[in-house]
């Protein structure tokens, strides 16, 4: 069953001093590219990236990546805006078409794995683990030593509810709590810390 990937990369990164999408890892790869490739490496398709601040620069970094870019013009209202924009884009995508019988993996996307751009310690292994239970009714999130984090898996049946409720920087947290999202421990295979300020950047990132 097709599982999409969604990168939330629209923020201005005020505490970072630059949009986090434009921060580079030690190999010189922008975080927005790294996050997109991470989802693709984990088997997510399609991969949608929501951009906002410094949109032209971020879009330029993604020109060679096989992703769908969505610009959220009201990105400054918080992460909820980016999440809604990405889910609406995925919801409105037509099912993959082909000559029957369709190739394996084609058809309507049943779930999406959501990651913010500012979790440089995330791994494809964590994405795959959280996505293991992908189905239309699935709702799950990674935890790190019991603390909630990313990635988050949202089955298609939850998209309209998240779109209706996601607001500000709260994003989908309230929805995930209310609907008791399954917790998937990932501390053994990834670092789920989000990086908000330049002082907190891992060595070699900048």
N, C-alpha and C. Protein backbone atom coordinates (compact mmCIF):
# COMPACT_ATOMS: atom_id res chain seq x y z
N UNK A 1 0.84 -1.19 0.00
CA UNK A 1 0.00 0.00 0.00
C UNK A 1 0.88 1.24 0.00
N UNK A 2 0.61 2.19 -0.90
CA UNK A 2 1.45 3.38 -0.99
C UNK A 2 1.40 4.24 0.27
N UNK A 3 2.56 4.64 0.74
CA UNK A 3 2.69 5.53 1.89
C UNK A 3 3.47 6.75 1.43
N UNK A 4 2.88 7.92 1.58
CA UNK A 4 3.53 9.16 1.16
C UNK A 4 4.44 9.68 2.25
N UNK A 5 5.28 10.64 1.88
CA UNK A 5 6.11 11.35 2.84
C UNK A 5 5.80 12.83 2.78
N UNK A 6 5.83 13.50 3.91
CA UNK A 6 5.54 14.93 3.98
C UNK A 6 6.58 15.62 4.84
N UNK A 7 7.29 16.57 4.24
CA UNK A 7 8.30 17.36 4.95
C UNK A 7 7.73 18.74 5.23
N UNK A 8 7.74 19.15 6.48
CA UNK A 8 7.29 20.49 6.87
C UNK A 8 8.52 21.39 6.97
N UNK A 9 8.67 22.29 6.00
CA UNK A 9 9.91 23.07 5.88
C UNK A 9 9.63 24.54 5.59
N UNK A 10 8.54 25.08 6.16
CA UNK A 10 8.13 26.43 5.80
C UNK A 10 8.59 27.51 6.77
N UNK A 11 9.06 27.15 7.96
CA UNK A 11 9.34 28.14 8.99
C UNK A 11 10.51 29.06 8.70
N UNK A 12 10.50 30.22 9.38
CA UNK A 12 11.55 31.21 9.18
C UNK A 12 12.79 30.92 10.01
N UNK A 13 12.69 30.06 11.02
CA UNK A 13 13.84 29.74 11.85
C UNK A 13 14.40 30.96 12.56
N UNK A 14 13.53 31.72 13.20
CA UNK A 14 13.97 32.98 13.83
C UNK A 14 15.05 32.75 14.88
N UNK A 15 14.91 31.72 15.69
CA UNK A 15 15.93 31.44 16.71
C UNK A 15 17.20 30.87 16.08
N UNK A 16 17.06 30.29 14.92
CA UNK A 16 18.22 29.75 14.21
C UNK A 16 18.98 30.85 13.49
N UNK A 17 18.27 31.93 13.13
CA UNK A 17 18.88 33.01 12.38
C UNK A 17 18.78 32.82 10.88
N UNK A 18 18.16 31.74 10.45
CA UNK A 18 17.96 31.44 9.03
C UNK A 18 16.90 30.35 8.94
N UNK A 19 16.17 30.28 7.83
CA UNK A 19 15.22 29.17 7.70
C UNK A 19 15.93 27.83 7.86
N UNK A 20 15.37 26.95 8.67
CA UNK A 20 16.04 25.68 8.94
C UNK A 20 16.18 24.82 7.69
N UNK A 21 15.30 25.02 6.73
CA UNK A 21 15.40 24.26 5.48
C UNK A 21 16.74 24.48 4.79
N UNK A 22 17.35 25.65 5.04
CA UNK A 22 18.59 26.02 4.36
C UNK A 22 19.85 25.65 5.14
N UNK A 23 19.70 25.19 6.38
CA UNK A 23 20.86 24.74 7.15
C UNK A 23 21.45 23.50 6.48
N UNK A 24 22.78 23.37 6.51
CA UNK A 24 23.46 22.26 5.85
C UNK A 24 23.99 21.24 6.87
N UNK A 25 23.98 19.99 6.46
CA UNK A 25 24.59 18.95 7.29
C UNK A 25 26.09 18.90 7.01
N UNK A 26 26.85 18.06 7.70
CA UNK A 26 28.31 18.05 7.50
C UNK A 26 28.74 17.74 6.07
N UNK A 27 27.88 17.11 5.29
CA UNK A 27 28.21 16.81 3.89
C UNK A 27 27.83 17.95 2.96
N UNK A 28 27.31 19.04 3.52
CA UNK A 28 26.92 20.18 2.70
C UNK A 28 25.53 20.06 2.10
N UNK A 29 24.75 19.11 2.57
CA UNK A 29 23.40 18.89 2.04
C UNK A 29 22.40 19.69 2.87
N UNK A 30 21.58 20.52 2.23
CA UNK A 30 20.57 21.27 2.99
C UNK A 30 19.62 20.33 3.73
N UNK A 31 19.21 20.77 4.90
CA UNK A 31 18.31 19.93 5.69
C UNK A 31 17.05 19.55 4.92
N UNK A 32 16.53 20.47 4.10
CA UNK A 32 15.31 20.15 3.37
C UNK A 32 15.54 19.01 2.38
N UNK A 33 16.72 18.97 1.78
CA UNK A 33 17.05 17.88 0.86
C UNK A 33 17.26 16.60 1.64
N UNK A 34 17.96 16.70 2.75
CA UNK A 34 18.20 15.51 3.58
C UNK A 34 16.89 14.87 4.02
N UNK A 35 15.95 15.69 4.49
CA UNK A 35 14.67 15.15 4.96
C UNK A 35 13.90 14.49 3.83
N UNK A 36 13.93 15.11 2.65
CA UNK A 36 13.23 14.55 1.49
C UNK A 36 13.82 13.20 1.09
N UNK A 37 15.14 13.13 1.06
CA UNK A 37 15.80 11.87 0.69
C UNK A 37 15.58 10.79 1.74
N UNK A 38 15.53 11.21 2.98
CA UNK A 38 15.29 10.27 4.08
C UNK A 38 13.96 9.54 3.88
N UNK A 39 12.92 10.29 3.55
CA UNK A 39 11.62 9.68 3.33
C UNK A 39 11.63 8.77 2.10
N UNK A 40 12.27 9.24 1.05
CA UNK A 40 12.36 8.42 -0.17
C UNK A 40 13.13 7.14 0.10
N UNK A 41 14.23 7.25 0.84
CA UNK A 41 15.04 6.06 1.16
C UNK A 41 14.24 5.05 1.99
N UNK A 42 13.28 5.55 2.77
CA UNK A 42 12.46 4.67 3.59
C UNK A 42 11.30 4.07 2.80
N UNK A 43 11.18 4.44 1.53
CA UNK A 43 10.14 3.87 0.68
C UNK A 43 8.90 4.71 0.51
N UNK A 44 8.91 5.94 1.01
CA UNK A 44 7.74 6.81 0.88
C UNK A 44 7.62 7.37 -0.54
N UNK A 45 6.42 7.37 -1.07
CA UNK A 45 6.18 7.92 -2.41
C UNK A 45 4.68 8.19 -2.57
N UNK A 46 4.34 9.41 -3.02
CA UNK A 46 5.21 10.53 -3.35
C UNK A 46 5.73 11.22 -2.08
N UNK A 47 6.71 12.10 -2.27
CA UNK A 47 7.21 12.94 -1.18
C UNK A 47 6.80 14.38 -1.49
N UNK A 48 6.09 14.99 -0.55
CA UNK A 48 5.64 16.37 -0.68
C UNK A 48 6.41 17.22 0.32
N UNK A 49 6.89 18.38 -0.13
CA UNK A 49 7.63 19.30 0.74
C UNK A 49 6.88 20.62 0.78
N UNK A 50 6.51 21.06 1.97
CA UNK A 50 5.84 22.34 2.13
C UNK A 50 6.87 23.40 2.50
N UNK A 51 6.94 24.45 1.69
CA UNK A 51 7.90 25.52 1.90
C UNK A 51 7.16 26.83 2.16
N UNK A 52 7.90 27.84 2.64
CA UNK A 52 7.28 29.13 2.93
C UNK A 52 8.32 30.23 2.99
N UNK A 53 9.01 30.37 4.13
CA UNK A 53 10.07 31.37 4.26
C UNK A 53 11.19 31.07 3.27
N UNK A 54 11.74 32.14 2.67
CA UNK A 54 12.83 31.99 1.68
C UNK A 54 12.46 30.95 0.62
N UNK A 55 11.22 31.02 0.16
CA UNK A 55 10.69 29.98 -0.73
C UNK A 55 11.54 29.80 -1.98
N UNK A 56 12.01 30.88 -2.58
CA UNK A 56 12.78 30.76 -3.81
C UNK A 56 14.08 30.00 -3.58
N UNK A 57 14.76 30.30 -2.47
CA UNK A 57 16.01 29.60 -2.17
C UNK A 57 15.78 28.12 -1.87
N UNK A 58 14.75 27.85 -1.09
CA UNK A 58 14.46 26.45 -0.74
C UNK A 58 14.04 25.68 -1.99
N UNK A 59 13.22 26.29 -2.81
CA UNK A 59 12.79 25.63 -4.05
C UNK A 59 13.99 25.32 -4.94
N UNK A 60 14.95 26.25 -4.99
CA UNK A 60 16.14 26.03 -5.81
C UNK A 60 16.93 24.82 -5.32
N UNK A 61 16.99 24.63 -4.01
CA UNK A 61 17.71 23.47 -3.46
C UNK A 61 17.03 22.16 -3.82
N UNK A 62 15.74 22.23 -4.14
CA UNK A 62 14.97 21.01 -4.40
C UNK A 62 14.78 20.71 -5.89
N UNK A 63 15.38 21.53 -6.75
CA UNK A 63 15.10 21.38 -8.18
C UNK A 63 15.49 20.03 -8.74
N UNK A 64 16.49 19.39 -8.18
CA UNK A 64 16.92 18.09 -8.70
C UNK A 64 16.34 16.91 -7.92
N UNK A 65 15.48 17.21 -6.94
CA UNK A 65 14.90 16.15 -6.12
C UNK A 65 13.53 15.74 -6.66
N UNK A 66 13.21 14.44 -6.64
CA UNK A 66 11.91 13.97 -7.14
C UNK A 66 10.80 14.17 -6.12
N UNK A 67 10.50 15.43 -5.83
CA UNK A 67 9.49 15.75 -4.82
C UNK A 67 8.47 16.71 -5.42
N UNK A 68 7.32 16.79 -4.77
CA UNK A 68 6.33 17.80 -5.12
C UNK A 68 6.43 18.92 -4.10
N UNK A 69 6.66 20.14 -4.58
CA UNK A 69 6.83 21.29 -3.70
C UNK A 69 5.52 22.06 -3.62
N UNK A 70 5.11 22.37 -2.40
CA UNK A 70 3.90 23.15 -2.14
C UNK A 70 4.29 24.37 -1.33
N UNK A 71 3.92 25.56 -1.80
CA UNK A 71 4.24 26.78 -1.07
C UNK A 71 3.05 27.22 -0.23
N UNK A 72 3.26 27.34 1.07
CA UNK A 72 2.24 27.83 1.98
C UNK A 72 2.47 29.33 2.17
N UNK A 73 1.66 30.15 1.53
CA UNK A 73 1.88 31.60 1.58
C UNK A 73 1.62 32.17 2.97
N UNK A 74 0.81 31.49 3.77
CA UNK A 74 0.52 31.95 5.14
C UNK A 74 1.32 31.17 6.16
N UNK A 75 2.54 30.77 5.78
CA UNK A 75 3.40 29.93 6.62
C UNK A 75 3.68 30.54 7.99
N UNK A 76 3.67 31.89 8.07
CA UNK A 76 4.03 32.53 9.34
C UNK A 76 2.97 32.35 10.42
N UNK A 77 1.86 31.69 10.10
CA UNK A 77 0.83 31.43 11.10
C UNK A 77 1.12 30.16 11.91
N UNK A 78 2.20 29.45 11.56
CA UNK A 78 2.59 28.30 12.36
C UNK A 78 2.61 27.00 11.58
N UNK A 79 3.10 25.96 12.26
CA UNK A 79 3.28 24.66 11.62
C UNK A 79 1.96 24.04 11.16
N UNK A 80 0.87 24.39 11.84
CA UNK A 80 -0.43 23.86 11.45
C UNK A 80 -0.78 24.19 10.02
N UNK A 81 -0.39 25.38 9.56
CA UNK A 81 -0.64 25.79 8.18
C UNK A 81 0.07 24.86 7.21
N UNK A 82 1.33 24.57 7.49
CA UNK A 82 2.11 23.69 6.61
C UNK A 82 1.51 22.29 6.58
N UNK A 83 1.11 21.80 7.73
CA UNK A 83 0.53 20.46 7.81
C UNK A 83 -0.76 20.39 7.00
N UNK A 84 -1.61 21.39 7.15
CA UNK A 84 -2.86 21.41 6.39
C UNK A 84 -2.59 21.46 4.90
N UNK A 85 -1.65 22.30 4.49
CA UNK A 85 -1.34 22.43 3.06
C UNK A 85 -0.84 21.12 2.48
N UNK A 86 0.03 20.44 3.22
CA UNK A 86 0.56 19.17 2.73
C UNK A 86 -0.49 18.09 2.64
N UNK A 87 -1.34 17.98 3.66
CA UNK A 87 -2.38 16.96 3.66
C UNK A 87 -3.42 17.22 2.58
N UNK A 88 -3.77 18.49 2.37
CA UNK A 88 -4.72 18.81 1.30
C UNK A 88 -4.16 18.42 -0.06
N UNK A 89 -2.87 18.67 -0.26
CA UNK A 89 -2.24 18.30 -1.53
C UNK A 89 -2.31 16.80 -1.74
N UNK A 90 -1.97 16.03 -0.72
CA UNK A 90 -2.00 14.58 -0.84
C UNK A 90 -3.43 14.06 -1.00
N UNK A 91 -4.36 14.65 -0.29
CA UNK A 91 -5.76 14.22 -0.38
C UNK A 91 -6.31 14.39 -1.79
N UNK A 92 -5.84 15.45 -2.47
CA UNK A 92 -6.38 15.76 -3.78
C UNK A 92 -5.63 15.11 -4.93
N UNK A 93 -4.55 14.38 -4.62
CA UNK A 93 -3.82 13.69 -5.68
C UNK A 93 -4.68 12.57 -6.24
N UNK A 94 -4.70 12.42 -7.57
CA UNK A 94 -5.43 11.28 -8.14
C UNK A 94 -4.70 9.99 -7.85
N UNK A 95 -5.43 8.90 -7.76
CA UNK A 95 -4.80 7.59 -7.61
C UNK A 95 -3.96 7.32 -8.84
N UNK A 96 -2.82 6.64 -8.63
CA UNK A 96 -1.95 6.32 -9.76
C UNK A 96 -2.73 5.49 -10.77
N UNK A 97 -2.58 5.83 -12.03
CA UNK A 97 -3.31 5.11 -13.07
C UNK A 97 -2.35 4.26 -13.87
N UNK A 98 -2.85 3.20 -14.41
CA UNK A 98 -2.01 2.33 -15.22
C UNK A 98 -2.87 1.31 -15.92
N UNK A 99 -2.28 0.59 -16.81
CA UNK A 99 -3.01 -0.44 -17.51
C UNK A 99 -3.12 -1.66 -16.61
N UNK A 100 -4.34 -2.13 -16.35
CA UNK A 100 -4.49 -3.30 -15.46
C UNK A 100 -3.74 -4.50 -16.01
N UNK A 101 -3.15 -5.35 -15.14
CA UNK A 101 -3.11 -5.11 -13.70
C UNK A 101 -2.08 -4.05 -13.35
N UNK A 102 -2.40 -3.21 -12.36
CA UNK A 102 -1.48 -2.14 -11.97
C UNK A 102 -0.23 -2.71 -11.33
N UNK A 103 0.93 -2.05 -11.53
CA UNK A 103 2.16 -2.49 -10.87
C UNK A 103 1.99 -2.43 -9.36
N UNK A 104 2.72 -3.28 -8.66
CA UNK A 104 2.67 -3.27 -7.20
C UNK A 104 3.06 -1.90 -6.68
N UNK A 105 2.31 -1.43 -5.67
CA UNK A 105 2.64 -0.15 -5.03
C UNK A 105 1.89 1.02 -5.61
N UNK A 106 1.14 0.82 -6.72
CA UNK A 106 0.39 1.93 -7.27
C UNK A 106 -0.97 1.99 -6.62
N UNK A 107 -1.68 3.09 -6.87
CA UNK A 107 -3.00 3.26 -6.30
C UNK A 107 -3.04 4.41 -5.32
N UNK A 108 -4.17 4.56 -4.66
CA UNK A 108 -4.38 5.67 -3.74
C UNK A 108 -3.47 5.54 -2.52
N UNK A 109 -2.85 6.64 -2.15
CA UNK A 109 -2.02 6.67 -0.95
C UNK A 109 -2.89 6.42 0.27
N UNK A 110 -2.49 5.50 1.12
CA UNK A 110 -3.32 5.14 2.28
C UNK A 110 -2.88 5.85 3.56
N UNK A 111 -1.65 6.36 3.59
CA UNK A 111 -1.14 6.99 4.80
C UNK A 111 0.03 7.89 4.42
N UNK A 112 0.42 8.75 5.36
CA UNK A 112 1.56 9.64 5.14
C UNK A 112 2.43 9.64 6.39
N UNK A 113 3.73 9.70 6.17
CA UNK A 113 4.70 9.88 7.25
C UNK A 113 5.13 11.34 7.24
N UNK A 114 4.94 12.01 8.37
CA UNK A 114 5.22 13.44 8.47
C UNK A 114 6.49 13.67 9.28
N UNK A 115 7.39 14.50 8.73
CA UNK A 115 8.60 14.87 9.45
C UNK A 115 8.82 16.38 9.32
N UNK A 116 9.23 17.05 10.39
CA UNK A 116 9.67 18.44 10.28
C UNK A 116 11.10 18.46 9.77
N UNK A 117 11.49 19.60 9.22
CA UNK A 117 12.82 19.67 8.61
C UNK A 117 13.94 19.76 9.64
N UNK A 118 13.60 20.04 10.90
CA UNK A 118 14.63 20.36 11.90
C UNK A 118 14.96 19.21 12.85
N UNK A 119 14.91 17.97 12.35
CA UNK A 119 15.28 16.81 13.17
C UNK A 119 16.42 16.09 12.45
N UNK A 120 17.64 16.63 12.54
CA UNK A 120 18.75 16.09 11.74
C UNK A 120 19.20 14.70 12.15
N UNK A 121 18.79 14.24 13.34
CA UNK A 121 19.19 12.91 13.79
C UNK A 121 18.22 11.81 13.38
N UNK A 122 17.19 12.18 12.62
CA UNK A 122 16.22 11.19 12.17
C UNK A 122 16.85 10.26 11.16
N UNK A 123 16.38 9.01 11.12
CA UNK A 123 16.92 8.02 10.20
C UNK A 123 15.81 7.36 9.40
N UNK A 124 16.19 6.79 8.26
CA UNK A 124 15.23 6.04 7.45
C UNK A 124 14.69 4.85 8.22
N UNK A 125 15.53 4.27 9.09
CA UNK A 125 15.08 3.13 9.89
C UNK A 125 13.92 3.51 10.80
N UNK A 126 13.97 4.71 11.38
CA UNK A 126 12.87 5.16 12.23
C UNK A 126 11.61 5.38 11.41
N UNK A 127 11.76 5.94 10.22
CA UNK A 127 10.61 6.13 9.35
C UNK A 127 9.97 4.79 9.01
N UNK A 128 10.79 3.83 8.64
CA UNK A 128 10.26 2.51 8.30
C UNK A 128 9.56 1.85 9.48
N UNK A 129 10.13 2.01 10.68
CA UNK A 129 9.52 1.38 11.85
C UNK A 129 8.14 1.98 12.14
N UNK A 130 8.04 3.29 12.09
CA UNK A 130 6.76 3.95 12.35
C UNK A 130 5.74 3.62 11.26
N UNK A 131 6.22 3.45 10.04
CA UNK A 131 5.32 3.20 8.90
C UNK A 131 4.90 1.74 8.77
N UNK A 132 5.43 0.87 9.62
CA UNK A 132 5.12 -0.56 9.50
C UNK A 132 3.62 -0.85 9.57
N UNK A 133 2.90 -0.08 10.37
CA UNK A 133 1.47 -0.33 10.52
C UNK A 133 0.61 0.52 9.62
N UNK A 134 1.15 0.96 8.49
CA UNK A 134 0.43 1.88 7.61
C UNK A 134 -0.85 1.26 7.06
N UNK A 135 -1.94 1.94 7.29
CA UNK A 135 -3.24 1.63 6.71
C UNK A 135 -4.09 2.88 6.86
N UNK A 136 -5.26 2.88 6.26
CA UNK A 136 -6.07 4.10 6.24
C UNK A 136 -6.44 4.59 7.64
N UNK A 137 -6.62 3.69 8.58
CA UNK A 137 -7.02 4.10 9.92
C UNK A 137 -5.88 4.26 10.91
N UNK A 138 -4.65 4.14 10.44
CA UNK A 138 -3.49 4.17 11.34
C UNK A 138 -3.22 5.57 11.88
N UNK A 139 -2.73 5.62 13.10
CA UNK A 139 -2.28 6.86 13.71
C UNK A 139 -1.19 6.49 14.71
N UNK A 140 0.04 6.91 14.43
CA UNK A 140 1.17 6.51 15.26
C UNK A 140 2.23 7.60 15.25
N UNK A 141 3.07 7.60 16.28
CA UNK A 141 4.18 8.54 16.32
C UNK A 141 5.37 7.91 17.02
N UNK A 142 6.53 8.35 16.62
CA UNK A 142 7.76 7.89 17.26
C UNK A 142 7.85 8.47 18.67
N UNK A 143 8.46 7.69 19.56
CA UNK A 143 8.81 8.21 20.87
C UNK A 143 10.30 7.94 21.09
N UNK A 144 10.89 8.78 21.94
CA UNK A 144 12.31 8.66 22.25
C UNK A 144 12.44 8.63 23.77
N UNK A 145 12.75 7.45 24.29
CA UNK A 145 12.76 7.23 25.74
C UNK A 145 11.42 7.66 26.35
N UNK A 146 10.35 7.36 25.62
CA UNK A 146 9.00 7.63 26.09
C UNK A 146 8.45 8.99 25.74
N UNK A 147 9.30 9.91 25.27
CA UNK A 147 8.85 11.26 24.94
C UNK A 147 8.40 11.31 23.48
N UNK A 148 7.25 11.92 23.18
CA UNK A 148 6.75 11.93 21.81
C UNK A 148 7.62 12.76 20.88
N UNK A 149 7.72 12.30 19.63
CA UNK A 149 8.52 13.01 18.64
C UNK A 149 8.06 12.66 17.24
N UNK A 150 8.98 12.74 16.30
CA UNK A 150 8.69 12.43 14.90
C UNK A 150 9.58 11.28 14.44
N UNK A 151 9.16 10.59 13.39
CA UNK A 151 8.05 10.86 12.48
C UNK A 151 6.70 10.49 13.06
N UNK A 152 5.66 11.03 12.38
CA UNK A 152 4.27 10.72 12.71
C UNK A 152 3.63 10.06 11.50
N UNK A 153 2.89 8.99 11.74
CA UNK A 153 2.15 8.29 10.69
C UNK A 153 0.67 8.64 10.82
N UNK A 154 0.10 9.14 9.71
CA UNK A 154 -1.33 9.48 9.69
C UNK A 154 -2.00 8.74 8.55
N UNK A 155 -2.91 7.83 8.90
CA UNK A 155 -3.70 7.15 7.89
C UNK A 155 -4.67 8.11 7.22
N UNK A 156 -5.04 7.79 6.01
CA UNK A 156 -5.90 8.66 5.21
C UNK A 156 -7.21 9.01 5.92
N UNK A 157 -7.74 8.10 6.71
CA UNK A 157 -9.01 8.35 7.40
C UNK A 157 -8.90 9.48 8.42
N UNK A 158 -7.68 9.85 8.80
CA UNK A 158 -7.49 10.92 9.78
C UNK A 158 -7.19 12.27 9.14
N UNK A 159 -6.95 12.30 7.84
CA UNK A 159 -6.48 13.54 7.23
C UNK A 159 -7.46 14.69 7.39
N UNK A 160 -8.75 14.44 7.11
CA UNK A 160 -9.73 15.53 7.22
C UNK A 160 -9.81 16.05 8.65
N UNK A 161 -9.73 15.16 9.62
CA UNK A 161 -9.77 15.58 11.01
C UNK A 161 -8.58 16.44 11.39
N UNK A 162 -7.40 16.07 10.90
CA UNK A 162 -6.20 16.86 11.19
C UNK A 162 -6.27 18.21 10.47
N UNK A 163 -6.73 18.20 9.22
CA UNK A 163 -6.86 19.46 8.48
C UNK A 163 -7.80 20.41 9.21
N UNK A 164 -8.87 19.88 9.78
CA UNK A 164 -9.86 20.72 10.46
C UNK A 164 -9.36 21.23 11.81
N UNK A 165 -8.42 20.54 12.43
CA UNK A 165 -8.03 20.88 13.80
C UNK A 165 -6.64 21.47 13.95
N UNK A 166 -5.76 21.29 12.98
CA UNK A 166 -4.37 21.76 13.12
C UNK A 166 -4.32 23.28 13.11
N UNK A 167 -3.77 23.85 14.14
CA UNK A 167 -3.68 25.30 14.26
C UNK A 167 -2.34 25.70 14.84
N UNK A 168 -1.83 26.85 14.39
CA UNK A 168 -0.61 27.42 14.96
C UNK A 168 0.53 26.43 15.02
N UNK A 169 1.38 26.60 16.02
CA UNK A 169 2.53 25.71 16.17
C UNK A 169 2.17 24.43 16.92
N UNK A 170 0.92 24.31 17.35
CA UNK A 170 0.45 23.08 17.98
C UNK A 170 0.39 21.95 16.95
N UNK A 171 0.16 22.31 15.69
CA UNK A 171 0.09 21.29 14.64
C UNK A 171 -0.96 20.26 14.95
N UNK A 172 -0.57 18.99 14.91
CA UNK A 172 -1.51 17.89 15.15
C UNK A 172 -1.40 17.31 16.55
N UNK A 173 -0.66 17.97 17.45
CA UNK A 173 -0.42 17.37 18.76
C UNK A 173 -1.72 17.07 19.51
N UNK A 174 -2.65 18.02 19.48
CA UNK A 174 -3.92 17.81 20.15
C UNK A 174 -4.70 16.65 19.57
N UNK A 175 -4.69 16.55 18.25
CA UNK A 175 -5.40 15.45 17.58
C UNK A 175 -4.78 14.11 17.94
N UNK A 176 -3.47 14.06 17.96
CA UNK A 176 -2.78 12.81 18.28
C UNK A 176 -3.07 12.38 19.71
N UNK A 177 -3.14 13.33 20.63
CA UNK A 177 -3.48 13.00 22.02
C UNK A 177 -4.92 12.51 22.13
N UNK A 178 -5.82 13.25 21.51
CA UNK A 178 -7.24 12.93 21.60
C UNK A 178 -7.55 11.55 21.04
N UNK A 179 -6.86 11.20 19.96
CA UNK A 179 -7.13 9.93 19.29
C UNK A 179 -6.14 8.83 19.69
N UNK A 180 -5.36 9.11 20.72
CA UNK A 180 -4.47 8.12 21.32
C UNK A 180 -3.60 7.41 20.27
N UNK A 181 -2.80 8.21 19.62
CA UNK A 181 -1.89 7.66 18.62
C UNK A 181 -0.99 6.60 19.23
N UNK A 182 -0.78 5.54 18.49
CA UNK A 182 0.14 4.49 18.94
C UNK A 182 1.54 5.06 19.10
N UNK A 183 2.23 4.65 20.14
CA UNK A 183 3.60 5.11 20.38
C UNK A 183 4.59 4.04 19.92
N UNK A 184 5.55 4.47 19.13
CA UNK A 184 6.54 3.55 18.57
C UNK A 184 7.93 4.00 19.02
N UNK A 185 8.54 3.26 19.92
CA UNK A 185 9.85 3.66 20.47
C UNK A 185 10.93 3.54 19.40
N UNK A 186 11.69 4.63 19.24
CA UNK A 186 12.72 4.68 18.19
C UNK A 186 14.07 5.15 18.70
N UNK A 187 14.24 5.26 20.02
CA UNK A 187 15.49 5.81 20.55
C UNK A 187 16.70 4.93 20.25
N UNK A 188 16.46 3.66 19.90
CA UNK A 188 17.58 2.77 19.59
C UNK A 188 18.09 2.92 18.17
N UNK A 189 17.33 3.65 17.32
CA UNK A 189 17.73 3.75 15.91
C UNK A 189 17.78 5.19 15.40
N UNK A 190 17.46 6.17 16.23
CA UNK A 190 17.47 7.56 15.76
C UNK A 190 17.55 8.51 16.94
N UNK A 191 17.89 9.76 16.63
CA UNK A 191 17.86 10.85 17.59
C UNK A 191 16.71 11.76 17.17
N UNK A 192 15.69 11.85 18.00
CA UNK A 192 14.50 12.60 17.61
C UNK A 192 14.49 14.04 18.06
N UNK A 193 15.62 14.57 18.51
CA UNK A 193 15.65 15.95 19.01
C UNK A 193 15.48 16.94 17.87
N UNK A 194 14.54 17.87 18.04
CA UNK A 194 14.43 18.96 17.06
C UNK A 194 15.37 20.08 17.49
N UNK A 195 15.96 20.74 16.51
CA UNK A 195 16.98 21.76 16.76
C UNK A 195 16.40 23.12 16.42
N UNK A 196 16.25 23.97 17.42
CA UNK A 196 15.60 25.26 17.22
C UNK A 196 16.57 26.43 17.10
N UNK A 197 17.74 26.34 17.74
CA UNK A 197 18.65 27.47 17.79
C UNK A 197 20.03 27.08 17.29
N UNK A 198 20.76 28.08 16.79
CA UNK A 198 22.10 27.83 16.25
C UNK A 198 23.02 27.22 17.30
N UNK A 199 22.83 27.60 18.57
CA UNK A 199 23.69 27.07 19.64
C UNK A 199 23.49 25.58 19.85
N UNK A 200 22.37 25.05 19.37
CA UNK A 200 22.06 23.63 19.57
C UNK A 200 22.40 22.77 18.37
N UNK A 201 22.97 23.37 17.34
CA UNK A 201 23.29 22.61 16.13
C UNK A 201 24.30 21.50 16.43
N UNK A 202 24.08 20.30 15.91
CA UNK A 202 25.09 19.24 16.05
C UNK A 202 26.38 19.65 15.36
N UNK A 203 27.48 19.08 15.79
CA UNK A 203 28.78 19.41 15.21
C UNK A 203 28.76 19.20 13.69
N UNK A 204 29.26 20.19 12.97
CA UNK A 204 29.36 20.08 11.52
C UNK A 204 28.16 20.61 10.76
N UNK A 205 27.06 20.88 11.46
CA UNK A 205 25.87 21.41 10.80
C UNK A 205 25.91 22.94 10.86
N UNK A 206 25.39 23.58 9.84
CA UNK A 206 25.36 25.03 9.86
C UNK A 206 24.96 25.62 8.53
